[in-house]
Every structure is written in structure tokens, then in C-alpha cells.
């Protein structure tokens, strides 16, 4: 087996810590002050689908509707470039679809109304609450699993990395004010799974290094473990990012938020596996003793040599 070049990841841990704190502060401040731009799935409103004979222009339709006084208009392609899905923050009006159709038909006579629906805000509130509860339950179960699978300090590092990733992804959507719908929520949950997988791979290698290498330098052992998993991390992240970037560019507006959320999440998740989870282990003073199996406190009777026992089979006092 060829010798692995050991990179000094932990030598830059203080710089990484400052970088993470800056990202977290910006995200939290933006979330507190600006909030998230929730889509129709969470806020409720009208949803109208239009079909055209020829390719549609989403920007033209959006400008047309905004000029007519409609609120928070979101126009995007739906499946192909001749189908349009319109979301608007409007009250439940059965005639709204006909009004929009008549307005668009003045510019594009080849249009037809295919769907006119209303999503109530109560449904949106329920989805938001269940989504938040789902993420909290996922984080709690992750911490319990890693505490049993590895050690409590590893669990703290893994959950800290997951919370770090989720806050920064949500902060990104708050800063950019991109619409947050159910596809973005699904992407955030997928980021938790991706980041957790990366963290477990790194944690497993750190544990093995602590057990088999006769060296007490914690910083060196962590750097060695991170260097050994670096190739796998780079290949996995790059191939995933290439697919996500292609989806964001060519996948259309229906999955744009999903692709962007995963792109940001995969990037920050790869970073957190190295500079958050491992950094937490350094801060909590992880040591070889934390990972060594506990020694037996009592000796089994069967393990006591016969010459140490008296005639009645008991150990001499």
C-alpha cells in the first residue's frame, strides 16, 4: 500500500471556525430579519396551468400579470416550454383562471386554460410544521445512532455539522430570496443524508486510526484520517455536483430550487465533514482512551488457573 500524503487540515481549523461562524451569523441574521420566501405550498394561493401551441415566454407572461396588478406572481415552465404554471398570492376566486386566460390571450391567442386551483393556507401551515418536526426528529435519531455506533463526542460533531449545513442552506435561500417550496424541503432533507454519510465515513476512519496506530498525536491522527478519505470525498462530491449543476441549468424552473439547494448543501456538507465534525472532536479533546474497549473489571472463574484455586475450587484470599 502506497504511503498517503498527510495534509494539515487541522492546522487551518481556527480559520475554518471563523469562516463557519461568519456564514452562520449571516444566515441567522438574514433568517431573522428577512425570513424565507415561502412558495405556494406553504403560503396558499392560486395555481393556474396554461398550455400554448408554440414556445411560451415566461418573462413576458410574468410582466403582463404584474402589470395587471396581480401579487407575487411566479411563472415557470411545467414539463416543457409550451406548458406554463402560474402561482399567485390571490384569494380563492373561481373566475381567476378565466381572467388570466383572457389577459394572456390578448398577446398569445394560441393559449388554453388547463388547470385552475387554489391551495389553502391551512394546508401550507400544516406542511411547514410537519417539515420542521421531521428535520428535528431526523437530527435526534442521528445523534442517538452515532452515539451508539461510535462515541458521544462523534455524535456531537456529526449533529453540529448537520445543523451547520441546514442553517447555511436556509440562510442562502433567505439571502437570495429564492422561493422555498416542497422540493427545497426535500433537498434540505437530502442534504442531511448526504452530510451524514460523509461524516460517518470520516468518523469511521478516525476511529480506526486511533485504534491501530501507535501514536498519541491526536492532530496527526485526524489529519491522517482526513487525508486517507480525501480522494473518495473529492470524487463523490465532484460527480454529484456535476449532475446537480446540469439539473439547475437544463432542468427547468420546476426543479431549479431543488437543484440549487442540493448544490449548496453538497458543497457545504463536504466542507463540514472535514472542518466542523473533525474540529468538534479537537475542541472536545478526543483521545485514544475514548475509543478503546473497556477492560473487564472482574475475572471469570473459568479464566483463573487451577493452581491458584484451593481444594474447594475457590480462589485463595
Protein backbone atom coordinates (compact mmCIF):
# COMPACT_ATOMS: atom_id res chain seq x y z
CA UNK A 1 0.00 0.00 0.00
CA UNK A 2 1.46 3.36 -1.00
CA UNK A 3 2.09 5.96 1.66
CA UNK A 4 -0.60 8.62 1.93
CA UNK A 5 0.43 12.25 1.88
CA UNK A 6 -0.85 13.81 5.09
CA UNK A 7 -2.38 17.27 4.68
CA UNK A 8 -2.51 19.60 7.67
CA UNK A 9 -6.28 20.10 7.73
CA UNK A 10 -6.44 20.75 11.46
CA UNK A 11 -3.69 23.35 11.19
CA UNK A 12 -6.29 25.58 9.48
CA UNK A 13 -9.11 24.71 11.88
CA UNK A 14 -9.20 28.17 13.50
CA UNK A 15 -9.57 29.85 10.10
CA UNK A 16 -12.33 27.38 9.23
CA UNK A 17 -14.02 28.06 12.57
CA UNK A 18 -14.10 31.81 11.88
CA UNK A 19 -15.41 31.15 8.35
CA UNK A 20 -18.21 28.93 9.68
CA UNK A 21 -19.16 31.46 12.35
CA UNK A 22 -19.40 34.22 9.71
CA UNK A 23 -21.62 32.07 7.48
CA UNK A 24 -23.83 31.10 10.43
CA UNK A 25 -24.18 34.69 11.67
CA UNK A 26 -25.09 35.95 8.18
CA UNK A 27 -27.60 33.12 7.77
CA UNK A 28 -29.24 33.58 11.17
CA UNK A 29 -29.44 37.39 10.82
CA UNK A 30 -30.96 37.06 7.34
CA UNK A 31 -33.45 34.42 8.52
CA UNK A 32 -34.44 36.61 11.48
CA UNK A 33 -34.74 39.85 9.52
CA UNK A 34 -35.84 38.81 6.01
CA UNK A 35 -37.17 35.31 6.58
CA UNK A 36 -37.77 32.82 3.78
CA UNK A 37 -39.67 33.44 0.58
CA UNK A 38 -42.17 30.61 1.02
CA UNK A 39 -43.80 29.32 -2.12
CA UNK A 40 -47.39 28.38 -2.75
CA UNK A 41 -47.03 25.04 -0.97
CA UNK A 42 -46.62 26.86 2.35
CA UNK A 43 -48.48 30.17 1.97
CA UNK A 44 -51.52 29.21 -0.09
CA UNK A 45 -52.76 30.91 -3.24
CA UNK A 46 -53.89 30.36 -6.81
CA UNK A 47 -52.28 27.87 -9.18
CA UNK A 48 -53.06 28.14 -12.89
CA UNK A 49 -51.72 26.00 -15.73
CA UNK A 50 -51.72 27.33 -19.29
CA UNK A 51 -50.89 25.47 -22.50
CA UNK A 52 -49.57 27.05 -25.71
CA UNK A 53 -49.23 25.81 -29.26
CA UNK A 54 -45.79 27.39 -29.60
CA UNK A 55 -42.96 28.08 -27.12
CA UNK A 56 -44.02 30.45 -24.34
CA UNK A 57 -42.09 33.37 -22.88
CA UNK A 58 -42.24 33.22 -19.07
CA UNK A 59 -40.78 36.72 -18.62
CA UNK A 60 -43.38 38.24 -20.93
CA UNK A 61 -46.24 36.48 -19.12
CA UNK A 62 -44.86 37.48 -15.72
CA UNK A 63 -44.60 41.14 -16.74
CA UNK A 64 -48.10 41.05 -18.20
CA UNK A 65 -49.63 39.70 -14.97
CA UNK A 66 -47.65 42.01 -12.68
CA UNK A 67 -48.69 44.97 -14.84
CA UNK A 68 -52.34 43.94 -14.36
CA UNK A 69 -51.91 44.21 -10.57
CA UNK A 70 -51.61 40.55 -9.54
CA UNK A 71 -49.50 39.91 -6.42
CA UNK A 72 -46.36 37.77 -6.02
CA UNK A 73 -46.56 36.21 -9.46
CA UNK A 74 -44.34 33.19 -10.07
CA UNK A 75 -44.32 31.93 -13.68
CA UNK A 76 -42.32 28.86 -14.72
CA UNK A 77 -42.25 26.13 -17.33
CA UNK A 78 -44.16 22.99 -16.43
CA UNK A 79 -42.72 19.90 -18.09
CA UNK A 80 -41.83 21.55 -21.42
CA UNK A 81 -41.53 25.01 -22.97
CA UNK A 82 -45.17 25.10 -24.14
CA UNK A 83 -46.75 24.49 -20.72
CA UNK A 84 -46.73 27.25 -18.09
CA UNK A 85 -47.51 27.04 -14.36
CA UNK A 86 -48.53 30.30 -12.65
CA UNK A 87 -48.57 30.71 -8.86
CA UNK A 88 -50.07 33.87 -7.35
CA UNK A 89 -50.89 35.16 -3.88
CA UNK A 90 -54.58 35.71 -4.60
CA UNK A 91 -57.83 34.89 -2.81
CA UNK A 92 -59.91 31.90 -3.81
CA UNK A 93 -61.75 33.17 -6.92
CA UNK A 94 -63.25 30.59 -9.31
CA UNK A 95 -63.13 33.11 -12.17
CA UNK A 96 -59.41 33.90 -11.69
CA UNK A 97 -58.31 31.34 -14.27
CA UNK A 98 -60.64 32.80 -16.88
CA UNK A 99 -59.37 36.32 -16.10
CA UNK A 100 -55.73 35.28 -16.55
CA UNK A 101 -56.57 33.37 -19.71
CA UNK A 102 -58.31 36.41 -21.23
CA UNK A 103 -55.37 38.66 -20.29
CA UNK A 104 -52.74 36.35 -21.78
CA UNK A 105 -54.86 35.61 -24.87
CA UNK A 106 -54.61 39.28 -25.88
CA UNK A 107 -50.90 38.70 -26.53
CA UNK A 108 -50.96 34.96 -27.30
CA UNK A 109 -54.23 33.73 -28.88
CA UNK A 110 -52.88 30.14 -29.01
CA UNK A 111 -53.28 29.72 -25.21
CA UNK A 112 -55.69 27.43 -23.38
CA UNK A 113 -56.55 27.01 -19.69
CA UNK A 114 -55.71 23.54 -18.38
CA UNK A 115 -55.97 23.95 -14.63
CA UNK A 116 -57.29 26.49 -12.10
CA UNK A 117 -56.78 25.51 -8.44
CA UNK A 118 -56.49 27.11 -5.04
CA UNK A 119 -54.20 25.86 -2.25
CA UNK A 120 -55.46 26.96 1.16
CA UNK A 121 -53.04 28.47 3.71
CA UNK A 122 -54.05 25.94 6.36
CA UNK A 123 -52.57 23.17 4.21
CA UNK A 124 -49.42 25.22 3.81
CA UNK A 125 -49.09 25.79 7.57
CA UNK A 126 -49.53 22.10 8.28
CA UNK A 127 -46.83 21.20 5.74
CA UNK A 128 -44.42 23.73 7.27
CA UNK A 129 -44.95 22.40 10.80
CA UNK A 130 -44.55 18.77 9.77
CA UNK A 131 -41.45 19.61 7.74
CA UNK A 132 -39.81 21.30 10.73
CA UNK A 133 -40.73 18.45 13.07
CA UNK A 134 -39.38 15.95 10.55
CA UNK A 135 -35.98 17.66 10.49
CA UNK A 136 -35.78 17.81 14.32
CA UNK A 137 -36.66 14.12 14.63
CA UNK A 138 -34.06 13.25 11.99
CA UNK A 139 -31.33 15.16 13.88
CA UNK A 140 -32.27 13.50 17.20
CA UNK A 141 -32.18 10.00 15.69
CA UNK A 142 -28.85 10.72 14.02
CA UNK A 143 -27.31 11.77 17.34
CA UNK A 144 -28.58 8.62 19.10
CA UNK A 145 -27.32 6.35 16.30
CA UNK A 146 -23.81 7.83 16.17
CA UNK A 147 -23.52 7.85 19.98
CA UNK A 148 -24.13 4.09 19.97
CA UNK A 149 -22.20 3.37 16.77
CA UNK A 150 -19.11 5.40 17.62
CA UNK A 151 -18.90 7.57 20.73
CA UNK A 152 -20.74 10.56 22.21
CA UNK A 153 -18.14 13.09 21.04
CA UNK A 154 -18.56 11.85 17.47
CA UNK A 155 -22.35 12.29 17.85
CA UNK A 156 -21.92 15.90 18.96
CA UNK A 157 -19.62 16.59 15.98
CA UNK A 158 -21.97 14.96 13.48
CA UNK A 159 -25.09 16.78 14.70
CA UNK A 160 -23.19 20.09 14.86
CA UNK A 161 -22.17 19.55 11.21
CA UNK A 162 -25.77 18.76 10.20
CA UNK A 163 -27.19 21.82 11.97
CA UNK A 164 -24.39 23.91 10.43
CA UNK A 165 -25.31 22.67 6.93
CA UNK A 166 -29.09 23.13 7.30
CA UNK A 167 -28.79 26.68 8.68
CA UNK A 168 -26.41 27.74 5.89
CA UNK A 169 -28.61 26.26 3.13
CA UNK A 170 -31.68 28.00 4.55
CA UNK A 171 -29.62 31.16 5.01
CA UNK A 172 -28.65 31.03 1.35
CA UNK A 173 -32.33 30.96 0.36
CA UNK A 174 -33.06 33.79 2.78
CA UNK A 175 -30.28 35.99 1.38
CA UNK A 176 -31.17 35.29 -2.27
CA UNK A 177 -34.94 35.23 -1.61
CA UNK A 178 -35.39 32.24 -3.91
CA UNK A 179 -38.77 30.58 -3.47
CA UNK A 180 -38.91 27.79 -0.88
CA UNK A 181 -41.35 25.02 -1.78
CA UNK A 182 -41.66 21.33 -1.03
CA UNK A 183 -38.88 20.44 -3.47
CA UNK A 184 -36.49 22.66 -1.49
CA UNK A 185 -37.60 21.00 1.75
CA UNK A 186 -36.90 17.62 0.14
CA UNK A 187 -33.46 18.88 -0.89
CA UNK A 188 -32.68 20.03 2.67
CA UNK A 189 -33.58 16.57 4.00
CA UNK A 190 -31.38 15.04 1.28
CA UNK A 191 -28.53 17.32 2.38
CA UNK A 192 -28.86 15.90 5.90
CA UNK A 193 -28.45 12.38 4.49
CA UNK A 194 -25.50 13.32 2.27
CA UNK A 195 -23.67 15.22 5.00
CA UNK A 196 -24.30 12.42 7.50
CA UNK A 197 -22.90 9.81 5.11
CA UNK A 198 -19.75 11.88 4.59
CA UNK A 199 -19.33 12.44 8.33
CA UNK A 200 -19.75 8.75 9.16
CA UNK A 201 -17.11 7.75 6.59
CA UNK A 202 -14.65 10.24 8.10
CA UNK A 203 -15.56 9.26 11.68
CA UNK A 204 -15.07 5.57 10.95
CA UNK A 205 -11.58 6.21 9.55
CA UNK A 206 -10.68 8.42 12.54
CA UNK A 207 -11.77 5.68 14.94
CA UNK A 208 -9.73 3.05 13.14
CA UNK A 209 -6.65 5.28 13.07
CA UNK A 210 -6.92 5.90 16.81
CA UNK A 211 -7.14 2.16 17.49
CA UNK A 212 -4.44 0.73 15.22
CA UNK A 213 -1.77 3.45 15.01
CA UNK A 214 0.60 3.64 17.98
CA UNK A 215 0.87 7.37 18.17
CA UNK A 216 -0.79 9.72 20.64
CA UNK A 217 -0.73 12.86 18.47
CA UNK A 218 -4.48 13.49 18.04
CA UNK A 219 -3.96 16.22 15.47
CA UNK A 220 -1.79 13.94 13.31
CA UNK A 221 -4.25 11.03 13.54
CA UNK A 222 -7.17 13.20 12.47
CA UNK A 223 -5.15 14.75 9.62
CA UNK A 224 -4.12 11.25 8.50
CA UNK A 225 -7.72 10.02 8.52
CA UNK A 226 -8.96 13.03 6.57
CA UNK A 227 -6.13 12.63 4.04
CA UNK A 228 -6.96 8.94 3.56
CA UNK A 229 -10.62 9.73 2.78
CA UNK A 230 -9.84 12.84 0.71
CA UNK A 231 -9.80 11.05 -2.66
CA UNK A 232 -13.16 9.43 -2.03
CA UNK A 233 -14.62 12.73 -0.81
CA UNK A 234 -13.46 14.69 -3.85
CA UNK A 235 -14.69 12.11 -6.37
CA UNK A 236 -18.10 11.75 -4.69
CA UNK A 237 -18.62 15.49 -4.32
CA UNK A 238 -17.49 16.41 -7.83
CA UNK A 239 -19.60 13.80 -9.60
CA UNK A 240 -22.65 14.78 -7.53
CA UNK A 241 -22.10 18.49 -8.16
CA UNK A 242 -21.75 17.96 -11.91
CA UNK A 243 -25.16 16.29 -12.02
CA UNK A 244 -26.76 18.97 -9.84
CA UNK A 245 -25.32 21.84 -11.88
CA UNK A 246 -26.65 20.20 -15.05
CA UNK A 247 -30.10 19.90 -13.43
CA UNK A 248 -30.03 23.55 -12.35
CA UNK A 249 -29.09 24.75 -15.84
CA UNK A 250 -31.13 22.42 -18.04
CA UNK A 251 -33.81 21.01 -15.73
CA UNK A 252 -36.19 23.96 -15.92
CA UNK A 253 -37.72 26.11 -13.21
CA UNK A 254 -39.75 23.27 -11.66
CA UNK A 255 -36.65 21.67 -10.13
CA UNK A 256 -34.36 24.71 -10.08
CA UNK A 257 -34.82 25.30 -6.34
CA UNK A 258 -34.24 21.61 -5.61
CA UNK A 259 -31.02 21.54 -7.65
CA UNK A 260 -29.68 24.79 -6.15
CA UNK A 261 -30.44 23.67 -2.57
CA UNK A 262 -28.62 20.38 -3.13
CA UNK A 263 -25.69 22.10 -4.86
CA UNK A 264 -25.16 24.43 -1.89
CA UNK A 265 -25.79 21.57 0.55
CA UNK A 266 -23.32 19.16 -1.05
CA UNK A 267 -20.62 21.83 -1.14
CA UNK A 268 -21.10 22.92 2.46
CA UNK A 269 -21.64 19.32 3.60
CA UNK A 270 -18.29 18.24 2.19
CA UNK A 271 -16.64 21.17 3.96
CA UNK A 272 -18.39 20.46 7.28
CA UNK A 273 -17.33 16.79 7.31
CA UNK A 274 -13.73 17.98 7.42
CA UNK A 275 -13.79 21.29 9.24
CA UNK A 276 -16.82 21.06 11.54
CA UNK A 277 -17.21 17.44 12.66
CA UNK A 278 -13.46 16.86 12.99
CA UNK A 279 -12.94 20.28 14.55
CA UNK A 280 -15.51 19.46 17.24
CA UNK A 281 -13.50 16.34 18.12
CA UNK A 282 -10.41 18.51 18.61
CA UNK A 283 -12.34 21.00 20.74
CA UNK A 284 -13.76 18.19 22.92
CA UNK A 285 -10.27 16.69 23.39
CA UNK A 286 -10.90 13.32 21.79
CA UNK A 287 -8.29 10.75 22.86
CA UNK A 288 -7.36 7.12 22.33
CA UNK A 289 -8.92 6.24 25.68
CA UNK A 290 -12.33 7.38 24.44
CA UNK A 291 -12.26 4.77 21.69
CA UNK A 292 -10.59 1.84 23.42
CA UNK A 293 -12.81 -1.07 24.56
CA UNK A 294 -13.45 -1.14 28.31
CA UNK A 295 -11.36 -3.65 30.23
CA UNK A 296 -13.09 -6.29 32.33
CA UNK A 297 -13.34 -5.30 35.97
CA UNK A 298 -13.75 -8.87 37.24
CA UNK A 299 -12.05 -12.09 36.22
CA UNK A 300 -14.18 -15.04 35.15
CA UNK A 301 -13.82 -18.13 37.36
CA UNK A 302 -13.09 -20.24 34.29
CA UNK A 303 -10.17 -17.95 33.44
CA UNK A 304 -8.46 -18.45 36.84
CA UNK A 305 -5.66 -21.06 36.61
CA UNK A 306 -6.32 -24.23 38.63
CA UNK A 307 -3.14 -23.87 40.68
CA UNK A 308 -4.50 -20.57 42.09
CA UNK A 309 -7.61 -22.26 43.47
CA UNK A 310 -7.88 -24.07 46.84
CA UNK A 311 -9.22 -27.56 47.24
CA UNK A 312 -12.86 -26.39 47.23
CA UNK A 313 -12.44 -24.64 43.91
CA UNK A 314 -12.37 -21.12 45.40
CA UNK A 315 -9.70 -18.51 44.83
CA UNK A 316 -7.32 -18.06 47.79
CA UNK A 317 -7.93 -14.90 49.78
